[in-house]
Structures are given as C-alpha cells and as structure tokens.
C-alpha cells in the first residue's frame, strides 16, 4: 500500500500529518506503541525541515510518501529546493551534555535513528530525500493470517 500527503512548510501542518498517519496506522491495525513511534519520527523530521531547511517559508512544499510492503514501513520525505544535508556529519546527541548546557532540543535526529531500522538522506535535483524504514513484524503476522 502507498499513501501520500503534501504540506506547506508551516508548523500548523504537523497536526494534519499526525492525523493522516494515525488514520492509516489505525486501518493497518498497527499497535499503538509502534504507531506512536512512527508518528513521532515523522513529526521530528518535518519539524526540523520546517525550522532549519525551509526556515518557516510557508510557500515551500514538503511531500511525504508512506509505503507498506511485506511488513516494512518506509517513509520518503521530499524537502525541495534545499541545501544538501549530510546525515553522515550528524553526531548523536549526548543527553548528559544537553542537560548540562540546559539546551532545549537537539535530540530529534538521535531519536529518529534509534527508533528506525534505517535512516538515509539522498540529494537529487536540489532536493533532500529522507528515506526511513522500520520493520513491523505484526504486519507480516497479520498478512499471513488473512
């Protein structure tokens, strides 16, 4: 199955995406823990793109594609007209350091990497394409019992 949603780079659209994903995951009957983790991951990536890449430019589009295939959920998030983001240069956040510095934020990408099985960023035609994958064993089990 494949699902798509497009949004303008505005924080208010995060709720629209969360609701969209909740409805899909409810239809798929994905358990709440996995569903909430997947929604959190997409929310984190989108918030980062809206704030850091789009710089809250409400004219900028972001596309999200969700695919479920053989027990694996894949998100592809398209961040158009953006500078190259090199994920390999990202260092995982140190919770103790963030706490000492009393910094807000800084844990998002580390959280994403810990929840998802694979996180990759490709750069094509002036677009960062985030590819996030997670195996959901329940989906394989559910499909076999149909």
Foldseek 3Di string as FASTA:
>chain_A
DKDKDKAFLALVCLVVVLVVLVVVCVVLVADPVLSVLVSLLVSLVSPCCSCPWVVVVRVFMKMWMWDDDLQKIKIKIKGAQTDDDDPVPDDADDPVVCVVVVHDDDHNVVSLPVSFPDWDWDDDPNITIIMTMHGHVVSNVVVVVD
